[in-house]
């Protein structure tokens, strides 16, 4: 993901970055977004009235999943450490009774050709309509220091594994759920937009150096004509910080954000706040470009003592992660899903 808002602190100035090049490339690949997929607006009037109950999401289980990833070490695409992580995730998902499909592909990157693998676990529902819950599971490549990515993206990967476990036990569910673990979210160059890749389909429009897995996955949805079946996409990324504070990402579908944020508040989680979180591109962006309603649950601008000074540094370590933060997000997503299903069903009547 990248920062798209200016934030001044004692430590640094987080500059505004443009995502126009990445968006242009994605639009070319996937088509234009629907009118509902606009930058998120605050204070929407979407009604959510039923008080939800907290879930069976186990904070300690989720934290153990994060710990195990960190123990593998840095996990950039194509690395032996990511291969070990992938095998671990697959084994866990299958132990929950889920069917797991590895989707292998090769991506041209500034570091050369890289083998990447998305993981898709499906929980069939009464309807073939799909809700996707996702996270990237790679870490950014750094050569000057050891980057274990406890929060980025160990936390969201661990939370997604625990969500899959809980929902697999809770079945039957109305809609079909897909738990998707994306490879290659991180840029290989230092910054999100520093580099681009050749585009054989249109040499004048280079492809971005980021979101490799999610762009590949959405392209597959479009090619297989499955995109119309995907009614919502929930992305988690960097949501395990012990000082959790979740503003609404500046790019996302408003009605989805309304449900999730209001549900979190109804559960008593004051960590969901109605401020804008400047993120811009992330793995939900290709879905939005394909017309799929999506949101991003992420804490970027305040991942640190003063601002985001732990982000993409050697300080992104396990001691920054709280089991309670993982549970806050897990509980909220699980309690939001029936309301999301109800909204989707009401629109299809």
Protein backbone atom coordinates (compact mmCIF):
# COMPACT_ATOMS: atom_id res chain seq x y z
CA UNK A 1 0.00 0.00 0.00
CA UNK A 2 1.08 3.61 -0.21
CA UNK A 3 0.47 6.80 1.73
CA UNK A 4 -1.61 9.48 -0.01
CA UNK A 5 -1.96 12.09 2.69
CA UNK A 6 0.51 14.64 4.08
CA UNK A 7 1.33 14.11 7.76
CA UNK A 8 3.96 16.27 9.53
CA UNK A 9 5.73 14.97 12.64
CA UNK A 10 8.96 15.29 14.59
CA UNK A 11 10.39 12.40 12.62
CA UNK A 12 9.48 12.93 9.01
CA UNK A 13 7.19 14.32 6.38
CA UNK A 14 5.02 11.75 4.68
CA UNK A 15 4.63 13.12 1.21
CA UNK A 16 1.50 12.89 -0.87
CA UNK A 17 2.00 10.35 -3.61
CA UNK A 18 0.09 10.11 -6.84
CA UNK A 19 -1.59 6.90 -7.84
CA UNK A 20 -2.68 8.09 -11.26
CA UNK A 21 -0.18 5.90 -13.15
CA UNK A 22 -1.17 2.77 -11.27
CA UNK A 23 -4.86 3.56 -11.70
CA UNK A 24 -4.44 4.18 -15.42
CA UNK A 25 -2.77 0.81 -15.80
CA UNK A 26 -5.44 -0.96 -13.78
CA UNK A 27 -8.25 0.73 -15.67
CA UNK A 28 -6.69 -0.41 -18.92
CA UNK A 29 -6.44 -3.97 -17.64
CA UNK A 30 -9.71 -4.28 -15.82
CA UNK A 31 -12.09 -1.60 -16.99
CA UNK A 32 -13.67 1.34 -15.23
CA UNK A 33 -15.10 1.22 -11.73
CA UNK A 34 -18.80 1.48 -11.08
CA UNK A 35 -20.25 4.69 -9.76
CA UNK A 36 -20.61 3.14 -6.29
CA UNK A 37 -16.84 2.61 -6.01
CA UNK A 38 -15.89 6.19 -5.28
CA UNK A 39 -13.57 7.64 -2.67
CA UNK A 40 -15.10 6.99 0.70
CA UNK A 41 -17.34 9.59 2.27
CA UNK A 42 -17.72 10.08 6.00
CA UNK A 43 -20.95 10.33 7.97
CA UNK A 44 -23.09 8.32 5.56
CA UNK A 45 -26.62 7.54 6.63
CA UNK A 46 -26.54 3.79 5.89
CA UNK A 47 -28.66 2.31 8.70
CA UNK A 48 -27.22 -0.40 10.92
CA UNK A 49 -29.44 -0.91 13.94
CA UNK A 50 -29.16 -4.46 15.28
CA UNK A 51 -26.68 -4.76 18.16
CA UNK A 52 -24.20 -7.51 17.23
CA UNK A 53 -22.59 -10.07 19.51
CA UNK A 54 -18.88 -10.72 19.81
CA UNK A 55 -17.65 -13.79 17.99
CA UNK A 56 -15.67 -16.98 18.54
CA UNK A 57 -12.61 -15.35 16.98
CA UNK A 58 -9.72 -16.53 19.16
CA UNK A 59 -7.14 -13.78 19.70
CA UNK A 60 -4.47 -16.20 20.87
CA UNK A 61 -4.92 -18.43 17.82
CA UNK A 62 -4.57 -15.43 15.53
CA UNK A 63 -1.49 -14.19 17.37
CA UNK A 64 0.11 -17.63 17.10
CA UNK A 65 -0.42 -17.52 13.34
CA UNK A 66 1.36 -14.15 13.25
CA UNK A 67 4.18 -15.44 15.44
CA UNK A 68 4.77 -18.41 13.18
CA UNK A 69 5.10 -16.19 10.11
CA UNK A 70 7.60 -13.93 11.87
CA UNK A 71 9.63 -17.00 12.88
CA UNK A 72 10.03 -17.88 9.20
CA UNK A 73 11.80 -14.53 8.71
CA UNK A 74 11.54 -12.09 5.78
CA UNK A 75 9.04 -13.40 3.22
CA UNK A 76 9.43 -11.60 -0.11
CA UNK A 77 7.97 -13.20 -3.25
CA UNK A 78 9.95 -16.15 -4.55
CA UNK A 79 11.85 -16.69 -1.31
CA UNK A 80 12.21 -20.03 0.53
CA UNK A 81 10.76 -18.32 3.61
CA UNK A 82 7.57 -17.43 1.74
CA UNK A 83 7.37 -20.99 0.44
CA UNK A 84 7.47 -22.24 4.04
CA UNK A 85 4.83 -19.70 5.00
CA UNK A 86 2.64 -20.79 2.11
CA UNK A 87 2.86 -24.45 3.10
CA UNK A 88 1.99 -23.53 6.68
CA UNK A 89 -1.07 -21.52 5.61
CA UNK A 90 -2.27 -24.30 3.32
CA UNK A 91 -1.88 -26.93 6.04
CA UNK A 92 -3.82 -24.82 8.53
CA UNK A 93 -6.64 -24.00 6.10
CA UNK A 94 -7.03 -27.65 5.13
CA UNK A 95 -7.16 -28.61 8.81
CA UNK A 96 -10.24 -26.35 9.02
CA UNK A 97 -11.90 -28.50 6.36
CA UNK A 98 -11.46 -25.93 3.59
CA UNK A 99 -10.58 -26.68 -0.01
CA UNK A 100 -7.44 -24.70 -0.88
CA UNK A 101 -6.38 -23.86 -4.43
CA UNK A 102 -2.86 -22.48 -5.04
CA UNK A 103 -2.84 -20.24 -8.12
CA UNK A 104 0.72 -20.03 -9.44
CA UNK A 105 1.81 -17.41 -11.95
CA UNK A 106 4.96 -15.62 -13.04
CA UNK A 107 5.31 -11.86 -12.85
CA UNK A 108 7.78 -9.54 -14.55
CA UNK A 109 9.23 -7.30 -11.85
CA UNK A 110 12.12 -4.82 -11.56
CA UNK A 111 13.97 -7.71 -9.88
CA UNK A 112 13.34 -10.01 -12.84
CA UNK A 113 10.88 -12.85 -13.35
CA UNK A 114 9.32 -13.97 -10.06
CA UNK A 115 7.19 -17.00 -9.35
CA UNK A 116 4.20 -15.99 -7.26
CA UNK A 117 1.33 -17.98 -5.78
CA UNK A 118 -2.06 -16.75 -4.59
CA UNK A 119 -3.94 -19.00 -2.20
CA UNK A 120 -7.72 -19.33 -2.46
CA UNK A 121 -9.81 -21.18 0.12
CA UNK A 122 -13.55 -21.40 -0.54
CA UNK A 123 -16.40 -21.94 1.90
CA UNK A 124 -19.48 -22.75 -0.20
CA UNK A 125 -22.77 -21.13 0.73
CA UNK A 126 -26.42 -21.48 -0.19
CA UNK A 127 -25.83 -18.91 -2.94
CA UNK A 128 -23.10 -18.85 -5.56
CA UNK A 129 -22.67 -15.13 -4.93
CA UNK A 130 -19.27 -14.49 -3.37
CA UNK A 131 -17.83 -12.32 -0.61
CA UNK A 132 -14.03 -12.20 -0.63
CA UNK A 133 -11.98 -11.57 2.50
CA UNK A 134 -8.32 -11.03 1.69
CA UNK A 135 -4.82 -10.13 2.79
CA UNK A 136 -1.40 -10.15 1.19
CA UNK A 137 1.04 -12.57 2.80
CA UNK A 138 4.35 -11.43 1.29
CA UNK A 139 6.73 -8.95 2.93
CA UNK A 140 8.64 -6.15 1.26
CA UNK A 141 12.15 -6.94 0.05
CA UNK A 142 14.86 -5.06 1.92
CA UNK A 143 18.55 -5.83 1.50
CA UNK A 144 19.97 -3.48 4.13
CA UNK A 145 18.08 -4.84 7.13
CA UNK A 146 15.97 -7.78 8.25
CA UNK A 147 12.31 -7.01 7.67
CA UNK A 148 9.99 -9.58 9.27
CA UNK A 149 6.72 -7.70 8.63
CA UNK A 150 4.87 -8.60 11.82
CA UNK A 151 2.18 -6.04 11.03
CA UNK A 152 2.76 -5.75 7.30
CA UNK A 153 1.35 -8.25 6.61
CA UNK A 154 1.75 -10.88 9.30
CA UNK A 155 -1.14 -9.45 11.31
CA UNK A 156 -3.73 -9.48 8.55
CA UNK A 157 -2.61 -12.90 7.33
CA UNK A 158 -2.97 -14.32 10.84
CA UNK A 159 -6.36 -12.67 11.27
CA UNK A 160 -7.54 -14.04 7.91
CA UNK A 161 -6.51 -17.56 8.91
CA UNK A 162 -8.48 -17.29 12.16
CA UNK A 163 -11.48 -15.83 10.32
CA UNK A 164 -11.40 -18.83 7.99
CA UNK A 165 -11.32 -21.20 10.97
CA UNK A 166 -14.26 -19.55 12.73
CA UNK A 167 -16.43 -19.21 9.64
CA UNK A 168 -15.74 -22.80 8.58
CA UNK A 169 -17.15 -23.93 11.94
CA UNK A 170 -20.13 -21.56 11.73
CA UNK A 171 -21.41 -22.87 8.39
CA UNK A 172 -23.86 -23.10 6.68
CA UNK A 173 -23.66 -19.56 5.39
CA UNK A 174 -25.91 -17.81 2.91
CA UNK A 175 -23.24 -16.56 0.51
CA UNK A 176 -20.05 -18.25 -0.60
CA UNK A 177 -16.93 -16.96 1.15
CA UNK A 178 -13.50 -16.93 -0.40
CA UNK A 179 -10.42 -16.36 1.72
CA UNK A 180 -7.73 -15.08 -0.61
CA UNK A 181 -4.07 -14.70 0.32
CA UNK A 182 -2.33 -12.47 -2.24
CA UNK A 183 1.32 -12.79 -3.17
CA UNK A 184 3.34 -9.82 -4.43
CA UNK A 185 1.49 -6.84 -2.96
CA UNK A 186 4.70 -5.01 -2.12
CA UNK A 187 6.75 -3.02 -4.62
CA UNK A 188 10.24 -4.33 -5.39
CA UNK A 189 11.62 -0.82 -5.73
CA UNK A 190 11.92 1.40 -2.66
CA UNK A 191 8.70 3.36 -3.14
CA UNK A 192 5.31 2.30 -4.48
CA UNK A 193 5.57 4.24 -7.74
CA UNK A 194 9.34 4.33 -8.26
CA UNK A 195 9.34 1.62 -10.94
CA UNK A 196 7.05 0.16 -13.57
CA UNK A 197 6.99 -2.96 -15.70
CA UNK A 198 6.59 -3.49 -19.45
CA UNK A 199 3.07 -4.07 -20.73
CA UNK A 200 3.01 -6.29 -23.80
CA UNK A 201 -0.66 -5.49 -24.40
CA UNK A 202 0.03 -1.76 -24.53
CA UNK A 203 3.74 -0.80 -24.52
CA UNK A 204 2.85 2.87 -24.01
CA UNK A 205 1.14 2.10 -20.70
CA UNK A 206 3.52 0.35 -18.29
CA UNK A 207 2.23 -1.80 -15.45
CA UNK A 208 2.76 -0.95 -11.77
CA UNK A 209 5.40 -2.47 -9.53
CA UNK A 210 2.92 -3.57 -6.86
CA UNK A 211 -0.34 -5.52 -6.28
CA UNK A 212 0.89 -8.34 -8.51
CA UNK A 213 -1.26 -11.00 -6.88
CA UNK A 214 -4.49 -9.05 -6.62
CA UNK A 215 -4.20 -7.76 -10.18
CA UNK A 216 -3.63 -11.30 -11.41
CA UNK A 217 -6.57 -12.61 -9.36
CA UNK A 218 -9.00 -9.97 -10.61
CA UNK A 219 -7.84 -10.50 -14.20
CA UNK A 220 -8.70 -14.19 -13.72
CA UNK A 221 -12.14 -13.28 -12.36
CA UNK A 222 -12.80 -11.13 -15.40
CA UNK A 223 -11.48 -13.73 -17.84
CA UNK A 224 -13.64 -16.47 -16.30
CA UNK A 225 -16.67 -14.15 -16.15
CA UNK A 226 -16.79 -14.63 -12.37
CA UNK A 227 -16.51 -10.96 -11.47
CA UNK A 228 -20.31 -10.39 -11.47
CA UNK A 229 -20.64 -13.09 -8.79
CA UNK A 230 -18.28 -11.23 -6.42
CA UNK A 231 -20.56 -8.88 -4.49
CA UNK A 232 -18.08 -7.51 -1.94
CA UNK A 233 -14.39 -7.60 -1.08
CA UNK A 234 -13.00 -6.97 2.42
CA UNK A 235 -9.24 -6.36 2.58
CA UNK A 236 -7.18 -6.39 5.75
CA UNK A 237 -3.67 -4.96 5.88
CA UNK A 238 -1.65 -3.69 8.86
CA UNK A 239 -4.38 -4.04 11.50
CA UNK A 240 -2.62 -5.68 14.45
CA UNK A 241 -0.84 -2.74 16.10
CA UNK A 242 -1.18 -2.68 19.89
CA UNK A 243 -2.24 0.98 19.71
CA UNK A 244 -4.98 0.29 17.19
CA UNK A 245 -6.73 3.20 15.50
CA UNK A 246 -8.71 2.52 12.34
CA UNK A 247 -9.79 5.44 10.19
CA UNK A 248 -11.70 4.94 6.98
CA UNK A 249 -9.38 4.40 4.00
CA UNK A 250 -9.64 7.16 1.44
CA UNK A 251 -10.41 4.69 -1.36
CA UNK A 252 -13.30 2.31 -0.83
CA UNK A 253 -17.01 1.65 -1.14
CA UNK A 254 -19.00 3.77 1.29
CA UNK A 255 -21.81 1.36 2.18
CA UNK A 256 -19.31 -1.37 3.12
CA UNK A 257 -17.34 1.03 5.30
CA UNK A 258 -20.54 2.21 6.96
CA UNK A 259 -21.53 -1.32 7.95
CA UNK A 260 -18.11 -2.32 9.25
CA UNK A 261 -17.36 0.89 11.13
CA UNK A 262 -20.81 1.12 12.69
CA UNK A 263 -20.69 -2.55 13.67
CA UNK A 264 -17.30 -2.07 15.32
CA UNK A 265 -18.67 0.82 17.35
CA UNK A 266 -21.74 -1.20 18.35
CA UNK A 267 -19.42 -3.89 19.67
CA UNK A 268 -17.84 -1.23 21.87
CA UNK A 269 -14.64 -0.94 19.87
CA UNK A 270 -13.71 2.73 19.96
CA UNK A 271 -10.74 1.98 17.74
CA UNK A 272 -13.01 2.48 14.71
CA UNK A 273 -12.93 6.24 14.11
CA UNK A 274 -14.56 8.43 11.48
CA UNK A 275 -11.39 10.05 10.19
CA UNK A 276 -9.78 9.53 6.80
CA UNK A 277 -6.86 7.15 6.55
CA UNK A 278 -4.69 8.16 3.61
CA UNK A 279 -3.77 4.94 1.86
CA UNK A 280 -4.64 5.08 -1.82
CA UNK A 281 -3.66 1.92 -3.68
CA UNK A 282 -3.75 -1.45 -1.99
CA UNK A 283 -4.92 -4.93 -2.94
CA UNK A 284 -8.54 -3.77 -3.04
CA UNK A 285 -7.83 -1.32 -5.88
CA UNK A 286 -7.99 -3.86 -8.73
CA UNK A 287 -11.36 -5.02 -7.40
CA UNK A 288 -12.70 -1.47 -7.42
CA UNK A 289 -11.48 -1.02 -10.98
CA UNK A 290 -13.42 -4.14 -11.95
CA UNK A 291 -16.60 -2.67 -10.43
CA UNK A 292 -16.54 -4.80 -7.27
CA UNK A 293 -17.54 -3.08 -4.01
CA UNK A 294 -14.50 -3.17 -1.72
CA UNK A 295 -12.95 -1.70 1.39
CA UNK A 296 -9.56 -1.67 3.11
CA UNK A 297 -9.14 -2.09 6.89
CA UNK A 298 -5.70 -0.65 7.57
CA UNK A 299 -3.73 1.48 10.02
CA UNK A 300 -0.90 3.18 8.17
CA UNK A 301 -0.54 6.82 9.18
CA UNK A 302 -0.36 6.08 12.94
CA UNK A 303 1.72 2.88 12.95
CA UNK A 304 4.30 4.25 15.35
CA UNK A 305 4.80 6.54 18.32
CA UNK A 306 4.51 9.79 16.37
CA UNK A 307 3.30 8.74 12.91
CA UNK A 308 4.11 5.68 10.78
CA UNK A 309 7.78 5.29 11.69
CA UNK A 310 7.50 1.51 12.17
CA UNK A 311 6.20 1.02 8.64
CA UNK A 312 8.70 -0.68 6.31
CA UNK A 313 11.45 -0.63 8.91
CA UNK A 314 13.24 -3.22 11.04
CA UNK A 315 10.94 -2.10 13.88
CA UNK A 316 7.92 -3.91 12.40
CA UNK A 317 8.32 -6.73 14.91
CA UNK A 318 6.12 -9.05 16.93
CA UNK A 319 6.20 -6.85 20.04
CA UNK A 320 4.13 -4.25 18.15
CA UNK A 321 1.25 -6.71 17.69
CA UNK A 322 -1.60 -7.18 20.15
CA UNK A 323 -3.92 -10.21 20.22
CA UNK A 324 -6.70 -7.82 21.28
CA UNK A 325 -6.27 -5.74 18.11
CA UNK A 326 -6.54 -8.86 15.99
CA UNK A 327 -9.75 -9.80 17.81
CA UNK A 328 -11.23 -6.31 17.42
CA UNK A 329 -11.00 -6.60 13.65
CA UNK A 330 -11.98 -10.27 13.58
CA UNK A 331 -15.06 -9.77 15.75
CA UNK A 332 -16.12 -6.78 13.69
CA UNK A 333 -15.84 -8.53 10.34
CA UNK A 334 -17.72 -11.60 11.55
CA UNK A 335 -20.51 -9.46 13.03
CA UNK A 336 -20.66 -7.38 9.84
CA UNK A 337 -21.06 -10.30 7.44
CA UNK A 338 -24.80 -10.96 8.06
CA UNK A 339 -25.51 -7.27 7.43
CA UNK A 340 -23.39 -7.31 4.29
CA UNK A 341 -25.28 -10.41 3.12
CA UNK A 342 -28.60 -8.73 3.84
CA UNK A 343 -27.58 -5.66 1.86
CA UNK A 344 -26.43 -7.80 -1.08
CA UNK A 345 -29.64 -9.87 -1.06
CA UNK A 346 -31.84 -6.79 -0.89
CA UNK A 347 -30.14 -5.37 -3.96
CA UNK A 348 -30.73 -8.56 -5.95
CA UNK A 349 -34.48 -8.74 -5.28
